[in-house]
PDB file of N, CA and C in Angstrom:
ATOM      1  N   ILE A   1     -15.360  -4.607   0.930  1.00  0.00           N
ATOM      2  CA  ILE A   1     -14.403  -3.857   1.729  1.00  0.00           C
ATOM      3  C   ILE A   1     -13.245  -3.457   0.804  1.00  0.00           C
ATOM      4  N   THR A   2     -12.779  -2.250   0.984  1.00  0.00           N
ATOM      5  CA  THR A   2     -11.657  -1.788   0.198  1.00  0.00           C
ATOM      6  C   THR A   2     -10.349  -2.290   0.800  1.00  0.00           C
ATOM      7  N   LEU A   3      -9.261  -2.246   0.045  1.00  0.00           N
ATOM      8  CA  LEU A   3      -7.992  -2.664   0.600  1.00  0.00           C
ATOM      9  C   LEU A   3      -7.624  -1.711   1.764  1.00  0.00           C
ATOM     10  N   LEU A   4      -7.888  -0.410   1.659  1.00  0.00           N
ATOM     11  CA  LEU A   4      -7.588   0.521   2.729  1.00  0.00           C
ATOM     12  C   LEU A   4      -8.396   0.180   3.981  1.00  0.00           C
ATOM     13  N   ASP A   5      -9.665  -0.187   3.785  1.00  0.00           N
ATOM     14  CA  ASP A   5     -10.452  -0.629   4.963  1.00  0.00           C
ATOM     15  C   ASP A   5      -9.835  -1.894   5.606  1.00  0.00           C
ATOM     16  N   ALA A   6      -9.399  -2.830   4.793  1.00  0.00           N
ATOM     17  CA  ALA A   6      -8.785  -4.045   5.263  1.00  0.00           C
ATOM     18  C   ALA A   6      -7.538  -3.719   6.007  1.00  0.00           C
ATOM     19  N   VAL A   7      -6.752  -2.748   5.581  1.00  0.00           N
ATOM     20  CA  VAL A   7      -5.537  -2.347   6.298  1.00  0.00           C
ATOM     21  C   VAL A   7      -5.910  -1.815   7.680  1.00  0.00           C
ATOM     22  N   ARG A   8      -6.952  -0.959   7.707  1.00  0.00           N
ATOM     23  CA  ARG A   8      -7.405  -0.363   8.937  1.00  0.00           C
ATOM     24  C   ARG A   8      -7.855  -1.472   9.952  1.00  0.00           C
ATOM     25  N   VAL A   9      -8.650  -2.397   9.472  1.00  0.00           N
ATOM     26  CA  VAL A   9      -9.145  -3.499  10.317  1.00  0.00           C
ATOM     27  C   VAL A   9      -7.988  -4.283  10.859  1.00  0.00           C
ATOM     28  N   CYS A  10      -7.028  -4.636  10.010  1.00  0.00           N
ATOM     29  CA  CYS A  10      -5.870  -5.415  10.494  1.00  0.00           C
ATOM     30  C   CYS A  10      -5.113  -4.711  11.611  1.00  0.00           C
ATOM     31  N   VAL A  11      -4.945  -3.410  11.441  1.00  0.00           N
ATOM     32  CA  VAL A  11      -4.145  -2.635  12.434  1.00  0.00           C
ATOM     33  C   VAL A  11      -5.016  -2.322  13.651  1.00  0.00           C
ATOM     34  N   GLU A  12      -6.180  -1.759  13.456  1.00  0.00           N
ATOM     35  CA  GLU A  12      -7.022  -1.260  14.613  1.00  0.00           C
ATOM     36  C   GLU A  12      -7.704  -2.409  15.335  1.00  0.00           C
ATOM     37  N   GLN A  13      -8.224  -3.401  14.636  1.00  0.00           N
ATOM     38  CA  GLN A  13      -8.994  -4.408  15.326  1.00  0.00           C
ATOM     39  C   GLN A  13      -8.250  -5.715  15.587  1.00  0.00           C
ATOM     40  N   ALA A  14      -7.390  -6.055  14.609  1.00  0.00           N
ATOM     41  CA  ALA A  14      -6.582  -7.306  14.824  1.00  0.00           C
ATOM     42  C   ALA A  14      -5.278  -7.027  15.598  1.00  0.00           C
ATOM     43  N   GLY A  15      -4.916  -5.785  15.665  1.00  0.00           N
ATOM     44  CA  GLY A  15      -3.661  -5.417  16.360  1.00  0.00           C
ATOM     45  C   GLY A  15      -2.385  -5.811  15.690  1.00  0.00           C
ATOM     46  N   LEU A  16      -2.448  -5.993  14.365  1.00  0.00           N
ATOM     47  CA  LEU A  16      -1.213  -6.329  13.655  1.00  0.00           C
ATOM     48  C   LEU A  16      -0.337  -5.063  13.432  1.00  0.00           C
ATOM     49  N   PRO A  17       0.965  -5.199  13.454  1.00  0.00           N
ATOM     50  CA  PRO A  17       1.863  -4.064  13.201  1.00  0.00           C
ATOM     51  C   PRO A  17       1.671  -3.487  11.809  1.00  0.00           C
ATOM     52  N   LEU A  18       1.612  -2.122  11.756  1.00  0.00           N
ATOM     53  CA  LEU A  18       1.387  -1.442  10.481  1.00  0.00           C
ATOM     54  C   LEU A  18       2.440  -1.857   9.395  1.00  0.00           C
ATOM     55  N   PRO A  19       3.694  -1.921   9.699  1.00  0.00           N
ATOM     56  CA  PRO A  19       4.655  -2.320   8.648  1.00  0.00           C
ATOM     57  C   PRO A  19       4.302  -3.650   8.040  1.00  0.00           C
ATOM     58  N   ASP A  20       3.895  -4.614   8.891  1.00  0.00           N
ATOM     59  CA  ASP A  20       3.557  -5.984   8.379  1.00  0.00           C
ATOM     60  C   ASP A  20       2.338  -5.893   7.474  1.00  0.00           C
ATOM     61  N   VAL A  21       1.320  -5.130   7.948  1.00  0.00           N
ATOM     62  CA  VAL A  21       0.071  -4.986   7.173  1.00  0.00           C
ATOM     63  C   VAL A  21       0.313  -4.329   5.829  1.00  0.00           C
ATOM     64  N   LEU A  22       1.201  -3.307   5.806  1.00  0.00           N
ATOM     65  CA  LEU A  22       1.485  -2.653   4.563  1.00  0.00           C
ATOM     66  C   LEU A  22       2.214  -3.606   3.566  1.00  0.00           C
ATOM     67  N   ARG A  23       3.079  -4.461   4.100  1.00  0.00           N
ATOM     68  CA  ARG A  23       3.697  -5.497   3.214  1.00  0.00           C
ATOM     69  C   ARG A  23       2.631  -6.407   2.664  1.00  0.00           C
ATOM     70  N   MET A  24       1.639  -6.827   3.503  1.00  0.00           N
ATOM     71  CA  MET A  24       0.554  -7.697   3.101  1.00  0.00           C
ATOM     72  C   MET A  24      -0.278  -7.042   1.968  1.00  0.00           C
ATOM     73  N   ALA A  25      -0.306  -5.722   1.980  1.00  0.00           N
ATOM     74  CA  ALA A  25      -1.159  -4.986   1.008  1.00  0.00           C
ATOM     75  C   ALA A  25      -0.376  -4.576  -0.256  1.00  0.00           C
ATOM     76  N   THR A  26       0.924  -4.729  -0.225  1.00  0.00           N
ATOM     77  CA  THR A  26       1.722  -4.173  -1.366  1.00  0.00           C
ATOM     78  C   THR A  26       2.639  -5.224  -1.926  1.00  0.00           C
ATOM     79  N   SER A  27       3.803  -5.433  -1.305  1.00  0.00           N
ATOM     80  CA  SER A  27       4.787  -6.326  -1.895  1.00  0.00           C
ATOM     81  C   SER A  27       4.364  -7.804  -1.935  1.00  0.00           C
ATOM     82  N   LEU A  28       3.657  -8.224  -0.954  1.00  0.00           N
ATOM     83  CA  LEU A  28       3.247  -9.679  -0.981  1.00  0.00           C
ATOM     84  C   LEU A  28       2.318  -9.992  -2.190  1.00  0.00           C
ATOM     85  N   PRO A  29       1.295  -9.204  -2.419  1.00  0.00           N
ATOM     86  CA  PRO A  29       0.449  -9.495  -3.587  1.00  0.00           C
ATOM     87  C   PRO A  29       1.239  -9.352  -4.913  1.00  0.00           C
ATOM     88  N   ALA A  30       2.172  -8.393  -5.003  1.00  0.00           N
ATOM     89  CA  ALA A  30       2.980  -8.264  -6.203  1.00  0.00           C
ATOM     90  C   ALA A  30       3.824  -9.504  -6.378  1.00  0.00           C
ATOM     91  N   ASP A  31       4.406 -10.031  -5.300  1.00  0.00           N
ATOM     92  CA  ASP A  31       5.213 -11.251  -5.366  1.00  0.00           C
ATOM     93  C   ASP A  31       4.356 -12.383  -5.864  1.00  0.00           C
ATOM     94  N   ILE A  32       3.213 -12.589  -5.305  1.00  0.00           N
ATOM     95  CA  ILE A  32       2.317 -13.691  -5.630  1.00  0.00           C
ATOM     96  C   ILE A  32       1.847 -13.568  -7.119  1.00  0.00           C
ATOM     97  N   ALA A  33       1.572 -12.326  -7.591  1.00  0.00           N
ATOM     98  CA  ALA A  33       1.138 -12.127  -8.946  1.00  0.00           C
ATOM     99  C   ALA A  33       2.249 -12.185  -9.990  1.00  0.00           C
ATOM    100  N   GLY A  34       3.490 -12.250  -9.520  1.00  0.00           N
ATOM    101  CA  GLY A  34       4.635 -12.287 -10.406  1.00  0.00           C
ATOM    102  C   GLY A  34       5.002 -10.978 -11.028  1.00  0.00           C
ATOM    103  N   VAL A  35       4.612  -9.879 -10.400  1.00  0.00           N
ATOM    104  CA  VAL A  35       4.944  -8.560 -10.940  1.00  0.00           C
ATOM    105  C   VAL A  35       5.867  -7.773  -9.984  1.00  0.00           C
ATOM    106  N   ASP A  36       6.526  -8.545  -9.123  1.00  0.00           N
ATOM    107  CA  ASP A  36       7.346  -7.964  -8.072  1.00  0.00           C
ATOM    108  C   ASP A  36       8.591  -7.323  -8.657  1.00  0.00           C
ATOM    109  N   ASP A  37       8.852  -7.424  -9.958  1.00  0.00           N
ATOM    110  CA  ASP A  37       9.977  -6.744 -10.569  1.00  0.00           C
ATOM    111  C   ASP A  37       9.678  -5.251 -10.930  1.00  0.00           C
ATOM    112  N   ARG A  38       8.338  -4.894 -10.786  1.00  0.00           N
ATOM    113  CA  ARG A  38       8.000  -3.508 -11.162  1.00  0.00           C
ATOM    114  C   ARG A  38       6.910  -2.906 -10.239  1.00  0.00           C
ATOM    115  N   LEU A  39       6.267  -3.710  -9.435  1.00  0.00           N
ATOM    116  CA  LEU A  39       5.205  -3.251  -8.503  1.00  0.00           C
ATOM    117  C   LEU A  39       5.411  -3.672  -7.073  1.00  0.00           C
ATOM    118  N   GLY A  40       4.827  -2.954  -6.147  1.00  0.00           N
ATOM    119  CA  GLY A  40       4.773  -3.422  -4.728  1.00  0.00           C
ATOM    120  C   GLY A  40       5.893  -2.886  -3.875  1.00  0.00           C
ATOM    121  N   ARG A  41       6.786  -2.063  -4.429  1.00  0.00           N
ATOM    122  CA  ARG A  41       7.867  -1.485  -3.626  1.00  0.00           C
ATOM    123  C   ARG A  41       8.133  -0.032  -4.003  1.00  0.00           C
ATOM    124  N   ILE A  42       8.701   0.683  -3.123  1.00  0.00           N
ATOM    125  CA  ILE A  42       9.167   2.042  -3.480  1.00  0.00           C
ATOM    126  C   ILE A  42      10.686   1.929  -3.649  1.00  0.00           C
ATOM    127  N   GLU A  43      11.090   1.773  -4.880  1.00  0.00           N
ATOM    128  CA  GLU A  43      12.494   1.642  -5.248  1.00  0.00           C
ATOM    129  C   GLU A  43      12.665   2.160  -6.633  1.00  0.00           C
ATOM    130  N   PRO A  44      13.919   2.566  -6.949  1.00  0.00           N
ATOM    131  CA  PRO A  44      14.190   3.010  -8.335  1.00  0.00           C
ATOM    132  C   PRO A  44      13.768   1.900  -9.343  1.00  0.00           C
ATOM    133  N   GLY A  45      13.143   2.316 -10.405  1.00  0.00           N
ATOM    134  CA  GLY A  45      12.726   1.403 -11.472  1.00  0.00           C
ATOM    135  C   GLY A  45      11.375   0.802 -11.270  1.00  0.00           C
ATOM    136  N   TYR A  46      10.741   1.007 -10.120  1.00  0.00           N
ATOM    137  CA  TYR A  46       9.395   0.524  -9.845  1.00  0.00           C
ATOM    138  C   TYR A  46       8.367   1.547 -10.236  1.00  0.00           C
ATOM    139  N   VAL A  47       7.178   1.103 -10.629  1.00  0.00           N
ATOM    140  CA  VAL A  47       6.049   2.032 -10.965  1.00  0.00           C
ATOM    141  C   VAL A  47       5.679   2.774  -9.655  1.00  0.00           C
ATOM    142  N   ALA A  48       5.564   4.090  -9.823  1.00  0.00           N
ATOM    143  CA  ALA A  48       5.254   4.896  -8.636  1.00  0.00           C
ATOM    144  C   ALA A  48       3.721   5.055  -8.482  1.00  0.00           C
ATOM    145  N   ASN A  49       3.084   4.008  -8.012  1.00  0.00           N
ATOM    146  CA  ASN A  49       1.695   4.102  -7.583  1.00  0.00           C
ATOM    147  C   ASN A  49       1.694   4.123  -6.075  1.00  0.00           C
ATOM    148  N   LEU A  50       1.346   5.262  -5.553  1.00  0.00           N
ATOM    149  CA  LEU A  50       1.515   5.518  -4.069  1.00  0.00           C
ATOM    150  C   LEU A  50       0.181   6.049  -3.494  1.00  0.00           C
ATOM    151  N   LEU A  51       0.102   5.807  -2.237  1.00  0.00           N
ATOM    152  CA  LEU A  51      -1.049   6.348  -1.416  1.00  0.00           C
ATOM    153  C   LEU A  51      -0.433   6.871  -0.127  1.00  0.00           C
ATOM    154  N   ARG A  52      -0.656   8.178   0.104  1.00  0.00           N
ATOM    155  CA  ARG A  52      -0.227   8.776   1.332  1.00  0.00           C
ATOM    156  C   ARG A  52      -1.310   8.694   2.406  1.00  0.00           C
ATOM    157  N   LEU A  53      -1.032   8.161   3.560  1.00  0.00           N
ATOM    158  CA  LEU A  53      -2.029   7.994   4.620  1.00  0.00           C
ATOM    159  C   LEU A  53      -1.643   8.920   5.758  1.00  0.00           C
ATOM    160  N   ASP A  54      -2.638   9.319   6.532  1.00  0.00           N
ATOM    161  CA  ASP A  54      -2.416  10.115   7.754  1.00  0.00           C
ATOM    162  C   ASP A  54      -2.331   9.108   8.898  1.00  0.00           C
ATOM    163  N   LYS A  55      -2.222   9.642  10.105  1.00  0.00           N
ATOM    164  CA  LYS A  55      -2.063   8.764  11.258  1.00  0.00           C
ATOM    165  C   LYS A  55      -3.300   7.911  11.560  1.00  0.00           C
ATOM    166  N   SER A  56      -4.515   8.361  11.057  1.00  0.00           N
ATOM    167  CA  SER A  56      -5.690   7.601  11.261  1.00  0.00           C
ATOM    168  C   SER A  56      -5.931   6.579  10.119  1.00  0.00           C
ATOM    169  N   LEU A  57      -4.947   6.503   9.269  1.00  0.00           N
ATOM    170  CA  LEU A  57      -4.994   5.611   8.093  1.00  0.00           C
ATOM    171  C   LEU A  57      -6.089   6.007   7.068  1.00  0.00           C
ATOM    172  N   SER A  58      -6.275   7.313   6.918  1.00  0.00           N
ATOM    173  CA  SER A  58      -7.114   7.844   5.881  1.00  0.00           C
ATOM    174  C   SER A  58      -6.275   8.342   4.746  1.00  0.00           C
ATOM    175  N   ALA A  59      -6.730   8.161   3.546  1.00  0.00           N
ATOM    176  CA  ALA A  59      -5.989   8.559   2.332  1.00  0.00           C
ATOM    177  C   ALA A  59      -5.913  10.110   2.291  1.00  0.00           C
ATOM    178  N   LYS A  60      -4.714  10.591   2.032  1.00  0.00           N
ATOM    179  CA  LYS A  60      -4.518  12.047   1.960  1.00  0.00           C
ATOM    180  C   LYS A  60      -3.973  12.463   0.613  1.00  0.00           C
ATOM    181  N   ALA A  61      -3.378  11.535  -0.178  1.00  0.00           N
ATOM    182  CA  ALA A  61      -2.940  11.830  -1.529  1.00  0.00           C
ATOM    183  C   ALA A  61      -2.724  10.573  -2.282  1.00  0.00           C
ATOM    184  N   VAL A  62      -2.843  10.626  -3.599  1.00  0.00           N
ATOM    185  CA  VAL A  62      -2.705   9.499  -4.511  1.00  0.00           C
ATOM    186  C   VAL A  62      -1.811   9.821  -5.678  1.00  0.00           C
ATOM    187  N   TRP A  63      -0.857   8.938  -6.013  1.00  0.00           N
ATOM    188  CA  TRP A  63      -0.025   9.033  -7.199  1.00  0.00           C
ATOM    189  C   TRP A  63      -0.238   7.834  -8.027  1.00  0.00           C
ATOM    190  N   THR A  64      -0.360   8.021  -9.345  1.00  0.00           N
ATOM    191  CA  THR A  64      -0.422   6.903 -10.303  1.00  0.00           C
ATOM    192  C   THR A  64       0.627   7.154 -11.306  1.00  0.00           C
ATOM    193  N   ASN A  65       1.513   6.186 -11.490  1.00  0.00           N
ATOM    194  CA  ASN A  65       2.667   6.293 -12.440  1.00  0.00           C
ATOM    195  C   ASN A  65       3.447   7.582 -12.152  1.00  0.00           C
ATOM    196  N   GLY A  66       3.576   7.960 -10.881  1.00  0.00           N
ATOM    197  CA  GLY A  66       4.364   9.095 -10.496  1.00  0.00           C
ATOM    198  C   GLY A  66       3.646  10.410 -10.599  1.00  0.00           C
ATOM    199  N   VAL A  67       2.394  10.464 -11.048  1.00  0.00           N
ATOM    200  CA  VAL A  67       1.643  11.696 -11.178  1.00  0.00           C
ATOM    201  C   VAL A  67       0.656  11.792 -10.043  1.00  0.00           C
ATOM    202  N   LYS A  68       0.789  12.914  -9.306  1.00  0.00           N
ATOM    203  CA  LYS A  68      -0.141  13.127  -8.173  1.00  0.00           C
ATOM    204  C   LYS A  68      -1.587  13.459  -8.721  1.00  0.00           C
ATOM    205  N   LEU A  69      -2.529  12.649  -8.310  1.00  0.00           N
ATOM    206  CA  LEU A  69      -3.915  12.782  -8.703  1.00  0.00           C
ATOM    207  C   LEU A  69      -4.715  13.613  -7.720  1.00  0.00           C
ATOM    208  N   SER A  70      -4.414  13.491  -6.457  1.00  0.00           N
ATOM    209  CA  SER A  70      -5.181  14.212  -5.436  1.00  0.00           C
ATOM    210  C   SER A  70      -4.303  14.404  -4.174  1.00  0.00           C
TER     211      SER A  70
END
């Protein structure tokens, strides 16, 4: 299962709130891994690895290190 699939399952099947699920997929793992000073948040100084989702939680665009890939 991909992380995006896990996000969908948590929201659609488990009924968890999307903001909580997104924290579980981003900032929480960064905190646990000890890289929360540069990953897991959208803030100045953080690495811009981003995924844009649509309302159905499908990937619409990807950025790595601030560069749009798709």
